[in-house]
Structures are given as structure tokens and as C-alpha cells.
């Protein structure tokens, strides 16, 4: 079942998420544009890490369109 692999951030589940350098809920809205992405995870796999300043894996563009959920 998909619920066993998707839908929440838990050990053993796949995740699509980004890690930002600031909490968007705690900053002045005028500062949102200055927010930097530190890490991007797609399907449980790190596809971008700002410390390395590159995508560690080549990602097929279709993987982005196949994502069914966004975890907030």
C-alpha cells in the first residue's frame, strides 16, 4: 500500500521535501525572496545539496511529474 511508503516523514518512507535556511512562518514576508534552499529530497533521495552546490544524482525529469504528494 502507498501509505506504507508515502504521505508522512518517517523512517523508512520516501519523502519529497526541501530544507530552507529560514522558517518562512517566522520571517517578515519581504524576506521570503532571499530564502535559500539548502537541500532537496525527491522520493527519499537527496537530489540537491547546497554544501556540495550540485545535484548528486542525475534525475529524470519525469520523476518530478510523477510525484503524487507534497508534505508540508
C-alpha atoms as a PDB file:
ATOM      1  CA  UNK A   1       0.000   0.000   0.000  1.00  0.00           C
ATOM      2  CA  UNK A   2       1.172   3.522  -0.770  1.00  0.00           C
ATOM      3  CA  UNK A   3       0.537   4.604   2.847  1.00  0.00           C
ATOM      4  CA  UNK A   4       3.370   2.289   3.896  1.00  0.00           C
ATOM      5  CA  UNK A   5       5.853   4.266   1.776  1.00  0.00           C
ATOM      6  CA  UNK A   6       4.387   7.769   1.314  1.00  0.00           C
ATOM      7  CA  UNK A   7       2.433  10.547   2.977  1.00  0.00           C
ATOM      8  CA  UNK A   8       4.468  11.430   6.039  1.00  0.00           C
ATOM      9  CA  UNK A   9       8.046  11.996   7.085  1.00  0.00           C
ATOM     10  CA  UNK A  10       9.045   8.840   8.930  1.00  0.00           C
ATOM     11  CA  UNK A  11      11.985   6.439   8.927  1.00  0.00           C
ATOM     12  CA  UNK A  12      11.660   4.034   6.014  1.00  0.00           C
ATOM     13  CA  UNK A  13       9.272   6.206   3.988  1.00  0.00           C
ATOM     14  CA  UNK A  14      10.029   8.097   0.788  1.00  0.00           C
ATOM     15  CA  UNK A  15       9.837  11.864   1.012  1.00  0.00           C
ATOM     16  CA  UNK A  16       9.655  14.871  -1.274  1.00  0.00           C
ATOM     17  CA  UNK A  17      10.779  17.961   0.613  1.00  0.00           C
ATOM     18  CA  UNK A  18      13.058  20.947   0.684  1.00  0.00           C
ATOM     19  CA  UNK A  19      15.138  22.277   3.562  1.00  0.00           C
ATOM     20  CA  UNK A  20      15.323  26.065   3.740  1.00  0.00           C
ATOM     21  CA  UNK A  21      17.782  28.353   5.506  1.00  0.00           C
ATOM     22  CA  UNK A  22      14.979  30.039   7.479  1.00  0.00           C
ATOM     23  CA  UNK A  23      11.484  29.362   8.767  1.00  0.00           C
ATOM     24  CA  UNK A  24       9.061  31.060   6.371  1.00  0.00           C
ATOM     25  CA  UNK A  25       6.453  31.280   9.130  1.00  0.00           C
ATOM     26  CA  UNK A  26       8.744  33.315  11.364  1.00  0.00           C
ATOM     27  CA  UNK A  27      10.222  35.912   8.993  1.00  0.00           C
ATOM     28  CA  UNK A  28       8.953  39.127   7.517  1.00  0.00           C
ATOM     29  CA  UNK A  29       7.222  38.361   4.193  1.00  0.00           C
ATOM     30  CA  UNK A  30       9.541  40.795   2.429  1.00  0.00           C
ATOM     31  CA  UNK A  31      12.439  38.424   3.239  1.00  0.00           C
ATOM     32  CA  UNK A  32      10.918  35.328   1.615  1.00  0.00           C
ATOM     33  CA  UNK A  33      12.633  36.091  -1.699  1.00  0.00           C
ATOM     34  CA  UNK A  34      16.038  35.895  -0.007  1.00  0.00           C
ATOM     35  CA  UNK A  35      15.379  32.380   1.281  1.00  0.00           C
ATOM     36  CA  UNK A  36      17.882  29.780   0.100  1.00  0.00           C
ATOM     37  CA  UNK A  37      17.271  26.087  -0.490  1.00  0.00           C
ATOM     38  CA  UNK A  38      19.801  24.023   1.432  1.00  0.00           C
ATOM     39  CA  UNK A  39      18.685  20.561   0.349  1.00  0.00           C
ATOM     40  CA  UNK A  40      16.078  18.981  -1.922  1.00  0.00           C
ATOM     41  CA  UNK A  41      14.855  15.418  -1.392  1.00  0.00           C
ATOM     42  CA  UNK A  42      12.765  13.652  -4.026  1.00  0.00           C
ATOM     43  CA  UNK A  43      11.409  10.165  -3.443  1.00  0.00           C
ATOM     44  CA  UNK A  44      13.596   9.847  -0.376  1.00  0.00           C
ATOM     45  CA  UNK A  45      16.744  10.627  -2.391  1.00  0.00           C
ATOM     46  CA  UNK A  46      18.833  13.781  -1.968  1.00  0.00           C
ATOM     47  CA  UNK A  47      18.842  15.429  -5.398  1.00  0.00           C
ATOM     48  CA  UNK A  48      20.413  18.752  -4.374  1.00  0.00           C
ATOM     49  CA  UNK A  49      22.706  19.705  -1.523  1.00  0.00           C
ATOM     50  CA  UNK A  50      23.870  23.333  -1.267  1.00  0.00           C
ATOM     51  CA  UNK A  51      27.038  22.321   0.585  1.00  0.00           C
ATOM     52  CA  UNK A  52      28.117  20.410  -2.496  1.00  0.00           C
ATOM     53  CA  UNK A  53      26.498  23.051  -4.738  1.00  0.00           C
ATOM     54  CA  UNK A  54      25.358  20.391  -7.146  1.00  0.00           C
ATOM     55  CA  UNK A  55      22.842  17.635  -7.704  1.00  0.00           C
ATOM     56  CA  UNK A  56      24.468  14.337  -6.607  1.00  0.00           C
ATOM     57  CA  UNK A  57      22.393  12.196  -8.986  1.00  0.00           C
ATOM     58  CA  UNK A  58      21.052  12.719 -12.452  1.00  0.00           C
ATOM     59  CA  UNK A  59      17.276  12.903 -12.084  1.00  0.00           C
ATOM     60  CA  UNK A  60      14.966  12.027 -14.941  1.00  0.00           C
ATOM     61  CA  UNK A  61      12.626  14.981 -15.424  1.00  0.00           C
ATOM     62  CA  UNK A  62       9.638  12.599 -15.446  1.00  0.00           C
ATOM     63  CA  UNK A  63      10.302  11.789 -11.775  1.00  0.00           C
ATOM     64  CA  UNK A  64       9.222  15.322 -10.859  1.00  0.00           C
ATOM     65  CA  UNK A  65       5.941  14.951 -12.720  1.00  0.00           C
ATOM     66  CA  UNK A  66       5.241  11.535 -11.178  1.00  0.00           C
ATOM     67  CA  UNK A  67       5.231  12.945  -7.617  1.00  0.00           C
ATOM     68  CA  UNK A  68       1.747  12.482  -6.198  1.00  0.00           C
ATOM     69  CA  UNK A  69       2.040  14.241  -2.834  1.00  0.00           C
ATOM     70  CA  UNK A  70       3.626  17.219  -1.202  1.00  0.00           C
ATOM     71  CA  UNK A  71       4.429  17.031   2.508  1.00  0.00           C
ATOM     72  CA  UNK A  72       4.003  20.365   4.300  1.00  0.00           C
END
